[in-house]
PDB file of N, CA and C in Angstrom:
ATOM      1  N   MET A   1      -1.681 -18.314   9.560  1.00  0.00           N
ATOM      2  CA  MET A   1      -0.387 -17.918  10.071  1.00  0.00           C
ATOM      3  C   MET A   1      -0.263 -18.422  11.507  1.00  0.00           C
ATOM      4  N   THR A   2       0.862 -19.060  11.803  1.00  0.00           N
ATOM      5  CA  THR A   2       1.051 -19.588  13.143  1.00  0.00           C
ATOM      6  C   THR A   2       1.725 -18.562  14.041  1.00  0.00           C
ATOM      7  N   ALA A   3       1.685 -18.836  15.329  1.00  0.00           N
ATOM      8  CA  ALA A   3       2.256 -17.911  16.314  1.00  0.00           C
ATOM      9  C   ALA A   3       3.758 -17.739  16.121  1.00  0.00           C
ATOM     10  N   ASP A   4       4.427 -18.734  15.547  1.00  0.00           N
ATOM     11  CA  ASP A   4       5.883 -18.636  15.384  1.00  0.00           C
ATOM     12  C   ASP A   4       6.290 -18.081  14.017  1.00  0.00           C
ATOM     13  N   TRP A   5       5.323 -17.559  13.242  1.00  0.00           N
ATOM     14  CA  TRP A   5       5.645 -16.960  11.945  1.00  0.00           C
ATOM     15  C   TRP A   5       6.437 -15.679  12.186  1.00  0.00           C
ATOM     16  N   PRO A   6       7.675 -15.578  11.673  1.00  0.00           N
ATOM     17  CA  PRO A   6       8.535 -14.448  12.035  1.00  0.00           C
ATOM     18  C   PRO A   6       8.357 -13.179  11.207  1.00  0.00           C
ATOM     19  N   PHE A   7       7.758 -13.275  10.039  1.00  0.00           N
ATOM     20  CA  PHE A   7       7.635 -12.119   9.164  1.00  0.00           C
ATOM     21  C   PHE A   7       6.445 -11.252   9.546  1.00  0.00           C
ATOM     22  N   LYS A   8       6.545  -9.941   9.269  1.00  0.00           N
ATOM     23  CA  LYS A   8       5.412  -9.040   9.476  1.00  0.00           C
ATOM     24  C   LYS A   8       4.314  -9.335   8.459  1.00  0.00           C
ATOM     25  N   GLU A   9       4.728  -9.687   7.258  1.00  0.00           N
ATOM     26  CA  GLU A   9       3.793  -9.999   6.187  1.00  0.00           C
ATOM     27  C   GLU A   9       3.261 -11.418   6.384  1.00  0.00           C
ATOM     28  N   PRO A  10       2.023 -11.661   5.989  1.00  0.00           N
ATOM     29  CA  PRO A  10       1.472 -13.010   6.109  1.00  0.00           C
ATOM     30  C   PRO A  10       2.151 -13.990   5.147  1.00  0.00           C
ATOM     31  N   ALA A  11       2.054 -15.259   5.463  1.00  0.00           N
ATOM     32  CA  ALA A  11       2.659 -16.309   4.643  1.00  0.00           C
ATOM     33  C   ALA A  11       2.092 -16.309   3.223  1.00  0.00           C
ATOM     34  N   GLU A  12       0.890 -15.767   3.029  1.00  0.00           N
ATOM     35  CA  GLU A  12       0.247 -15.737   1.720  1.00  0.00           C
ATOM     36  C   GLU A  12       0.696 -14.556   0.857  1.00  0.00           C
ATOM     37  N   THR A  13       1.635 -13.773   1.334  1.00  0.00           N
ATOM     38  CA  THR A  13       2.155 -12.632   0.588  1.00  0.00           C
ATOM     39  C   THR A  13       2.892 -13.119  -0.652  1.00  0.00           C
ATOM     40  N   ARG A  14       2.600 -12.511  -1.774  1.00  0.00           N
ATOM     41  CA  ARG A  14       3.280 -12.876  -3.021  1.00  0.00           C
ATOM     42  C   ARG A  14       4.713 -12.361  -2.997  1.00  0.00           C
ATOM     43  N   ALA A  15       5.620 -13.173  -3.520  1.00  0.00           N
ATOM     44  CA  ALA A  15       7.038 -12.824  -3.597  1.00  0.00           C
ATOM     45  C   ALA A  15       7.560 -13.304  -4.950  1.00  0.00           C
ATOM     46  N   HIS A  16       8.817 -13.031  -5.214  1.00  0.00           N
ATOM     47  CA  HIS A  16       9.423 -13.426  -6.483  1.00  0.00           C
ATOM     48  C   HIS A  16      10.637 -14.322  -6.247  1.00  0.00           C
ATOM     49  N   THR A  17      10.824 -15.228  -7.182  1.00  0.00           N
ATOM     50  CA  THR A  17      11.988 -16.102  -7.175  1.00  0.00           C
ATOM     51  C   THR A  17      12.348 -16.388  -8.623  1.00  0.00           C
ATOM     52  N   THR A  18      13.126 -17.437  -8.855  1.00  0.00           N
ATOM     53  CA  THR A  18      13.493 -17.817 -10.218  1.00  0.00           C
ATOM     54  C   THR A  18      13.075 -19.254 -10.488  1.00  0.00           C
ATOM     55  N   ARG A  19      13.010 -19.591 -11.745  1.00  0.00           N
ATOM     56  CA  ARG A  19      12.687 -20.965 -12.126  1.00  0.00           C
ATOM     57  C   ARG A  19      13.758 -21.929 -11.642  1.00  0.00           C
ATOM     58  N   PHE A  20      14.974 -21.457 -11.473  1.00  0.00           N
ATOM     59  CA  PHE A  20      16.054 -22.321 -11.002  1.00  0.00           C
ATOM     60  C   PHE A  20      15.829 -22.746  -9.555  1.00  0.00           C
ATOM     61  N   VAL A  21      15.308 -21.840  -8.743  1.00  0.00           N
ATOM     62  CA  VAL A  21      14.996 -22.169  -7.354  1.00  0.00           C
ATOM     63  C   VAL A  21      13.835 -23.159  -7.305  1.00  0.00           C
ATOM     64  N   LEU A  22      12.815 -22.917  -8.110  1.00  0.00           N
ATOM     65  CA  LEU A  22      11.623 -23.760  -8.070  1.00  0.00           C
ATOM     66  C   LEU A  22      11.781 -25.078  -8.813  1.00  0.00           C
ATOM     67  N   ASP A  23      12.382 -25.039  -9.998  1.00  0.00           N
ATOM     68  CA  ASP A  23      12.413 -26.220 -10.859  1.00  0.00           C
ATOM     69  C   ASP A  23      13.696 -27.032 -10.783  1.00  0.00           C
ATOM     70  N   LYS A  24      14.771 -26.415 -10.359  1.00  0.00           N
ATOM     71  CA  LYS A  24      16.062 -27.108 -10.366  1.00  0.00           C
ATOM     72  C   LYS A  24      16.689 -27.225  -8.983  1.00  0.00           C
ATOM     73  N   ASP A  25      15.944 -26.818  -7.960  1.00  0.00           N
ATOM     74  CA  ASP A  25      16.411 -26.917  -6.580  1.00  0.00           C
ATOM     75  C   ASP A  25      17.701 -26.144  -6.309  1.00  0.00           C
ATOM     76  N   PHE A  26      17.902 -25.027  -7.015  1.00  0.00           N
ATOM     77  CA  PHE A  26      19.048 -24.175  -6.712  1.00  0.00           C
ATOM     78  C   PHE A  26      18.780 -23.495  -5.372  1.00  0.00           C
ATOM     79  N   PRO A  27      19.813 -23.269  -4.565  1.00  0.00           N
ATOM     80  CA  PRO A  27      19.597 -22.613  -3.272  1.00  0.00           C
ATOM     81  C   PRO A  27      19.363 -21.115  -3.421  1.00  0.00           C
ATOM     82  N   VAL A  28      18.609 -20.565  -2.487  1.00  0.00           N
ATOM     83  CA  VAL A  28      18.437 -19.115  -2.404  1.00  0.00           C
ATOM     84  C   VAL A  28      19.710 -18.549  -1.785  1.00  0.00           C
ATOM     85  N   LEU A  29      20.400 -17.713  -2.540  1.00  0.00           N
ATOM     86  CA  LEU A  29      21.643 -17.110  -2.070  1.00  0.00           C
ATOM     87  C   LEU A  29      21.539 -15.594  -1.903  1.00  0.00           C
ATOM     88  N   ILE A  30      20.472 -15.011  -2.452  1.00  0.00           N
ATOM     89  CA  ILE A  30      20.253 -13.561  -2.365  1.00  0.00           C
ATOM     90  C   ILE A  30      18.795 -13.319  -2.001  1.00  0.00           C
ATOM     91  N   VAL A  31      18.575 -12.478  -1.014  1.00  0.00           N
ATOM     92  CA  VAL A  31      17.221 -12.081  -0.627  1.00  0.00           C
ATOM     93  C   VAL A  31      17.169 -10.558  -0.660  1.00  0.00           C
ATOM     94  N   VAL A  32      16.174 -10.034  -1.337  1.00  0.00           N
ATOM     95  CA  VAL A  32      15.997  -8.585  -1.440  1.00  0.00           C
ATOM     96  C   VAL A  32      14.647  -8.229  -0.835  1.00  0.00           C
ATOM     97  N   HIS A  33      14.663  -7.262   0.089  1.00  0.00           N
ATOM     98  CA  HIS A  33      13.412  -6.697   0.621  1.00  0.00           C
ATOM     99  C   HIS A  33      13.255  -5.357  -0.078  1.00  0.00           C
ATOM    100  N   ASP A  34      12.506  -5.372  -1.168  1.00  0.00           N
ATOM    101  CA  ASP A  34      12.384  -4.223  -2.060  1.00  0.00           C
ATOM    102  C   ASP A  34      11.891  -2.969  -1.350  1.00  0.00           C
ATOM    103  N   ARG A  35      12.195  -1.845  -1.953  1.00  0.00           N
ATOM    104  CA  ARG A  35      11.752  -0.555  -1.399  1.00  0.00           C
ATOM    105  C   ARG A  35      10.236  -0.459  -1.283  1.00  0.00           C
ATOM    106  N   ASP A  36       9.526  -1.211  -2.120  1.00  0.00           N
ATOM    107  CA  ASP A  36       8.060  -1.200  -2.050  1.00  0.00           C
ATOM    108  C   ASP A  36       7.531  -2.223  -1.046  1.00  0.00           C
ATOM    109  N   GLY A  37       8.428  -2.901  -0.329  1.00  0.00           N
ATOM    110  CA  GLY A  37       8.035  -3.874   0.683  1.00  0.00           C
ATOM    111  C   GLY A  37       7.968  -5.301   0.179  1.00  0.00           C
ATOM    112  N   GLY A  38       8.132  -5.511  -1.121  1.00  0.00           N
ATOM    113  CA  GLY A  38       8.111  -6.852  -1.685  1.00  0.00           C
ATOM    114  C   GLY A  38       9.371  -7.641  -1.351  1.00  0.00           C
ATOM    115  N   TRP A  39       9.299  -8.940  -1.557  1.00  0.00           N
ATOM    116  CA  TRP A  39      10.412  -9.843  -1.277  1.00  0.00           C
ATOM    117  C   TRP A  39      10.837 -10.569  -2.539  1.00  0.00           C
ATOM    118  N   GLU A  40      12.149 -10.758  -2.701  1.00  0.00           N
ATOM    119  CA  GLU A  40      12.717 -11.546  -3.787  1.00  0.00           C
ATOM    120  C   GLU A  40      13.662 -12.573  -3.184  1.00  0.00           C
ATOM    121  N   PHE A  41      13.549 -13.822  -3.648  1.00  0.00           N
ATOM    122  CA  PHE A  41      14.393 -14.925  -3.181  1.00  0.00           C
ATOM    123  C   PHE A  41      15.098 -15.495  -4.399  1.00  0.00           C
ATOM    124  N   LEU A  42      16.367 -15.166  -4.547  1.00  0.00           N
ATOM    125  CA  LEU A  42      17.083 -15.396  -5.794  1.00  0.00           C
ATOM    126  C   LEU A  42      18.260 -16.356  -5.616  1.00  0.00           C
ATOM    127  N   CYS A  43      18.620 -16.997  -6.726  1.00  0.00           N
ATOM    128  CA  CYS A  43      19.733 -17.942  -6.703  1.00  0.00           C
ATOM    129  C   CYS A  43      21.039 -17.307  -7.168  1.00  0.00           C
ATOM    130  N   GLY A  44      20.959 -16.141  -7.793  1.00  0.00           N
ATOM    131  CA  GLY A  44      22.160 -15.473  -8.277  1.00  0.00           C
ATOM    132  C   GLY A  44      22.617 -15.960  -9.645  1.00  0.00           C
ATOM    133  N   ARG A  45      21.831 -16.801 -10.299  1.00  0.00           N
ATOM    134  CA  ARG A  45      22.201 -17.360 -11.602  1.00  0.00           C
ATOM    135  C   ARG A  45      21.635 -16.578 -12.775  1.00  0.00           C
ATOM    136  N   THR A  46      20.573 -15.837 -12.551  1.00  0.00           N
ATOM    137  CA  THR A  46      19.896 -15.167 -13.661  1.00  0.00           C
ATOM    138  C   THR A  46      19.240 -13.879 -13.185  1.00  0.00           C
ATOM    139  N   ASP A  47      19.140 -12.937 -14.096  1.00  0.00           N
ATOM    140  CA  ASP A  47      18.347 -11.737 -13.836  1.00  0.00           C
ATOM    141  C   ASP A  47      17.408 -11.480 -15.012  1.00  0.00           C
ATOM    142  N   LYS A  48      17.173 -12.529 -15.807  1.00  0.00           N
ATOM    143  CA  LYS A  48      16.292 -12.419 -16.972  1.00  0.00           C
ATOM    144  C   LYS A  48      14.831 -12.536 -16.550  1.00  0.00           C
ATOM    145  N   ARG A  49      14.026 -11.662 -17.094  1.00  0.00           N
ATOM    146  CA  ARG A  49      12.598 -11.641 -16.772  1.00  0.00           C
ATOM    147  C   ARG A  49      11.936 -12.985 -17.076  1.00  0.00           C
ATOM    148  N   LYS A  50      12.365 -13.668 -18.122  1.00  0.00           N
ATOM    149  CA  LYS A  50      11.751 -14.950 -18.497  1.00  0.00           C
ATOM    150  C   LYS A  50      11.975 -16.030 -17.444  1.00  0.00           C
ATOM    151  N   ASP A  51      12.970 -15.850 -16.577  1.00  0.00           N
ATOM    152  CA  ASP A  51      13.272 -16.829 -15.538  1.00  0.00           C
ATOM    153  C   ASP A  51      12.558 -16.534 -14.220  1.00  0.00           C
ATOM    154  N   ALA A  52      11.862 -15.403 -14.142  1.00  0.00           N
ATOM    155  CA  ALA A  52      11.172 -15.008 -12.903  1.00  0.00           C
ATOM    156  C   ALA A  52       9.929 -15.869 -12.679  1.00  0.00           C
ATOM    157  N   ARG A  53       9.675 -16.155 -11.403  1.00  0.00           N
ATOM    158  CA  ARG A  53       8.488 -16.912 -11.012  1.00  0.00           C
ATOM    159  C   ARG A  53       7.900 -16.270  -9.763  1.00  0.00           C
ATOM    160  N   GLU A  54       6.588 -16.410  -9.614  1.00  0.00           N
ATOM    161  CA  GLU A  54       5.917 -15.920  -8.416  1.00  0.00           C
ATOM    162  C   GLU A  54       5.806 -17.065  -7.421  1.00  0.00           C
ATOM    163  N   ILE A  55       5.943 -16.725  -6.162  1.00  0.00           N
ATOM    164  CA  ILE A  55       5.885 -17.694  -5.080  1.00  0.00           C
ATOM    165  C   ILE A  55       5.248 -17.000  -3.884  1.00  0.00           C
ATOM    166  N   LEU A  56       4.739 -17.742  -2.954  1.00  0.00           N
ATOM    167  CA  LEU A  56       4.245 -17.154  -1.712  1.00  0.00           C
ATOM    168  C   LEU A  56       5.376 -17.132  -0.691  1.00  0.00           C
ATOM    169  N   LEU A  57       5.344 -16.157   0.180  1.00  0.00           N
ATOM    170  CA  LEU A  57       6.371 -16.037   1.218  1.00  0.00           C
ATOM    171  C   LEU A  57       6.482 -17.329   2.027  1.00  0.00           C
ATOM    172  N   GLY A  58       5.357 -17.910   2.381  1.00  0.00           N
ATOM    173  CA  GLY A  58       5.359 -19.162   3.126  1.00  0.00           C
ATOM    174  C   GLY A  58       5.995 -20.308   2.359  1.00  0.00           C
ATOM    175  N   GLU A  59       5.779 -20.351   1.044  1.00  0.00           N
ATOM    176  CA  GLU A  59       6.401 -21.389   0.219  1.00  0.00           C
ATOM    177  C   GLU A  59       7.913 -21.226   0.187  1.00  0.00           C
ATOM    178  N   ALA A  60       8.380 -19.989   0.122  1.00  0.00           N
ATOM    179  CA  ALA A  60       9.819 -19.742   0.128  1.00  0.00           C
ATOM    180  C   ALA A  60      10.446 -20.254   1.431  1.00  0.00           C
ATOM    181  N   VAL A  61       9.792 -19.986   2.546  1.00  0.00           N
ATOM    182  CA  VAL A  61      10.303 -20.436   3.841  1.00  0.00           C
ATOM    183  C   VAL A  61      10.264 -21.957   3.944  1.00  0.00           C
ATOM    184  N   GLU A  62       9.275 -22.588   3.332  1.00  0.00           N
ATOM    185  CA  GLU A  62       9.241 -24.054   3.309  1.00  0.00           C
ATOM    186  C   GLU A  62      10.414 -24.610   2.513  1.00  0.00           C
ATOM    187  N   LEU A  63      10.769 -23.943   1.412  1.00  0.00           N
ATOM    188  CA  LEU A  63      11.908 -24.386   0.604  1.00  0.00           C
ATOM    189  C   LEU A  63      13.224 -24.242   1.364  1.00  0.00           C
ATOM    190  N   ASP A  64      13.341 -23.171   2.151  1.00  0.00           N
ATOM    191  CA  ASP A  64      14.574 -22.912   2.903  1.00  0.00           C
ATOM    192  C   ASP A  64      14.224 -22.273   4.243  1.00  0.00           C
ATOM    193  N   PRO A  65      14.098 -23.082   5.289  1.00  0.00           N
ATOM    194  CA  PRO A  65      13.739 -22.546   6.610  1.00  0.00           C
ATOM    195  C   PRO A  65      14.700 -21.481   7.135  1.00  0.00           C
ATOM    196  N   ARG A  66      15.937 -21.442   6.643  1.00  0.00           N
ATOM    197  CA  ARG A  66      16.874 -20.404   7.108  1.00  0.00           C
ATOM    198  C   ARG A  66      16.470 -19.005   6.661  1.00  0.00           C
ATOM    199  N   LEU A  67      15.504 -18.900   5.759  1.00  0.00           N
ATOM    200  CA  LEU A  67      15.001 -17.580   5.370  1.00  0.00           C
ATOM    201  C   LEU A  67      14.328 -16.888   6.548  1.00  0.00           C
ATOM    202  N   ARG A  68      13.895 -17.644   7.534  1.00  0.00           N
ATOM    203  CA  ARG A  68      13.319 -17.060   8.754  1.00  0.00           C
ATOM    204  C   ARG A  68      14.301 -16.089   9.417  1.00  0.00           C
ATOM    205  N   GLU A  69      15.582 -16.346   9.260  1.00  0.00           N
ATOM    206  CA  GLU A  69      16.611 -15.487   9.859  1.00  0.00           C
ATOM    207  C   GLU A  69      16.560 -14.069   9.303  1.00  0.00           C
ATOM    208  N   LEU A  70      15.893 -13.895   8.158  1.00  0.00           N
ATOM    209  CA  LEU A  70      15.859 -12.592   7.487  1.00  0.00           C
ATOM    210  C   LEU A  70      14.529 -11.878   7.632  1.00  0.00           C
ATOM    211  N   ALA A  71      13.677 -12.350   8.511  1.00  0.00           N
ATOM    212  CA  ALA A  71      12.344 -11.761   8.686  1.00  0.00           C
ATOM    213  C   ALA A  71      12.413 -10.282   9.053  1.00  0.00           C
ATOM    214  N   ASP A  72      13.475  -9.853   9.705  1.00  0.00           N
ATOM    215  CA  ASP A  72      13.601  -8.445  10.095  1.00  0.00           C
ATOM    216  C   ASP A  72      14.506  -7.646   9.146  1.00  0.00           C
ATOM    217  N   LEU A  73      14.786  -8.207   7.961  1.00  0.00           N
ATOM    218  CA  LEU A  73      15.587  -7.477   6.973  1.00  0.00           C
ATOM    219  C   LEU A  73      14.859  -6.177   6.620  1.00  0.00           C
ATOM    220  N   PRO A  74      15.523  -5.034   6.800  1.00  0.00           N
ATOM    221  CA  PRO A  74      14.839  -3.759   6.538  1.00  0.00           C
ATOM    222  C   PRO A  74      14.438  -3.596   5.074  1.00  0.00           C
ATOM    223  N   VAL A  75      13.394  -2.854   4.848  1.00  0.00           N
ATOM    224  CA  VAL A  75      12.984  -2.490   3.490  1.00  0.00           C
ATOM    225  C   VAL A  75      14.150  -1.753   2.837  1.00  0.00           C
ATOM    226  N   GLY A  76      14.447  -2.091   1.581  1.00  0.00           N
ATOM    227  CA  GLY A  76      15.549  -1.460   0.864  1.00  0.00           C
ATOM    228  C   GLY A  76      16.895  -2.107   1.123  1.00  0.00           C
ATOM    229  N   TRP A  77      16.906  -3.259   1.763  1.00  0.00           N
ATOM    230  CA  TRP A  77      18.151  -3.982   2.044  1.00  0.00           C
ATOM    231  C   TRP A  77      18.156  -5.315   1.319  1.00  0.00           C
ATOM    232  N   ARG A  78      19.345  -5.894   1.224  1.00  0.00           N
ATOM    233  CA  ARG A  78      19.476  -7.240   0.690  1.00  0.00           C
ATOM    234  C   ARG A  78      20.372  -8.055   1.599  1.00  0.00           C
ATOM    235  N   ALA A  79      20.215  -9.354   1.521  1.00  0.00           N
ATOM    236  CA  ALA A  79      21.059 -10.288   2.249  1.00  0.00           C
ATOM    237  C   ALA A  79      21.615 -11.271   1.231  1.00  0.00           C
ATOM    238  N   PHE A  80      22.806 -11.747   1.485  1.00  0.00           N
ATOM    239  CA  PHE A  80      23.423 -12.684   0.552  1.00  0.00           C
ATOM    240  C   PHE A  80      24.347 -13.619   1.324  1.00  0.00           C
ATOM    241  N   ARG A  81      24.631 -14.760   0.714  1.00  0.00           N
ATOM    242  CA  ARG A  81      25.520 -15.759   1.301  1.00  0.00           C
ATOM    243  C   ARG A  81      26.182 -16.531   0.165  1.00  0.00           C
ATOM    244  N   ASP A  82      27.304 -17.158   0.473  1.00  0.00           N
ATOM    245  CA  ASP A  82      28.053 -17.900  -0.543  1.00  0.00           C
ATOM    246  C   ASP A  82      27.484 -19.290  -0.802  1.00  0.00           C
ATOM    247  N   SER A  83      26.859 -19.869   0.203  1.00  0.00           N
ATOM    248  CA  SER A  83      26.316 -21.223   0.092  1.00  0.00           C
ATOM    249  C   SER A  83      25.189 -21.367   1.112  1.00  0.00           C
ATOM    250  N   PRO A  84      24.371 -22.423   0.994  1.00  0.00           N
ATOM    251  CA  PRO A  84      23.246 -22.577   1.927  1.00  0.00           C
ATOM    252  C   PRO A  84      23.652 -22.638   3.399  1.00  0.00           C
ATOM    253  N   GLY A  85      24.841 -23.127   3.718  1.00  0.00           N
ATOM    254  CA  GLY A  85      25.273 -23.213   5.111  1.00  0.00           C
ATOM    255  C   GLY A  85      26.026 -21.999   5.613  1.00  0.00           C
ATOM    256  N   ALA A  86      26.327 -21.062   4.718  1.00  0.00           N
ATOM    257  CA  ALA A  86      27.108 -19.876   5.082  1.00  0.00           C
ATOM    258  C   ALA A  86      26.240 -18.857   5.814  1.00  0.00           C
ATOM    259  N   PRO A  87      26.873 -17.991   6.601  1.00  0.00           N
ATOM    260  CA  PRO A  87      26.105 -16.942   7.281  1.00  0.00           C
ATOM    261  C   PRO A  87      25.600 -15.907   6.278  1.00  0.00           C
ATOM    262  N   TRP A  88      24.465 -15.298   6.624  1.00  0.00           N
ATOM    263  CA  TRP A  88      23.912 -14.219   5.814  1.00  0.00           C
ATOM    264  C   TRP A  88      24.686 -12.935   6.076  1.00  0.00           C
ATOM    265  N   MET A  89      25.011 -12.208   5.040  1.00  0.00           N
ATOM    266  CA  MET A  89      25.560 -10.863   5.132  1.00  0.00           C
ATOM    267  C   MET A  89      24.449  -9.928   4.680  1.00  0.00           C
ATOM    268  N   GLN A  90      24.388  -8.722   5.252  1.00  0.00           N
ATOM    269  CA  GLN A  90      23.320  -7.786   4.908  1.00  0.00           C
ATOM    270  C   GLN A  90      23.898  -6.424   4.576  1.00  0.00           C
ATOM    271  N   GLU A  91      23.219  -5.717   3.655  1.00  0.00           N
ATOM    272  CA  GLU A  91      23.639  -4.361   3.280  1.00  0.00           C
ATOM    273  C   GLU A  91      22.475  -3.622   2.643  1.00  0.00           C
ATOM    274  N   PRO A  92      22.515  -2.288   2.692  1.00  0.00           N
ATOM    275  CA  PRO A  92      21.492  -1.514   1.977  1.00  0.00           C
ATOM    276  C   PRO A  92      21.592  -1.819   0.489  1.00  0.00           C
ATOM    277  N   PHE A  93      20.451  -1.780  -0.191  1.00  0.00           N
ATOM    278  CA  PHE A  93      20.445  -2.123  -1.602  1.00  0.00           C
ATOM    279  C   PHE A  93      19.937  -0.959  -2.405  1.00  0.00           C
TER     280      PHE A  93
END
């Protein structure tokens, strides 16, 4: 972990995403900081269990460096945006 790593959790922390983000280069449009402290990086295209994939927090940030903006997202909250260049909106989840 480097000095500029913004998350409290280490880059090696397991997180969840979808096959669309990993295999089809869909953008992350929804981020959930679960009540149990876990992270989800979702495209908003699917909620089917068969489409879920495991990823490391550091890998997610490599895919989309703007995820750094959400390092302080409170537990139990989600962030969402309309497109990769749009601002993040946040709300309790």
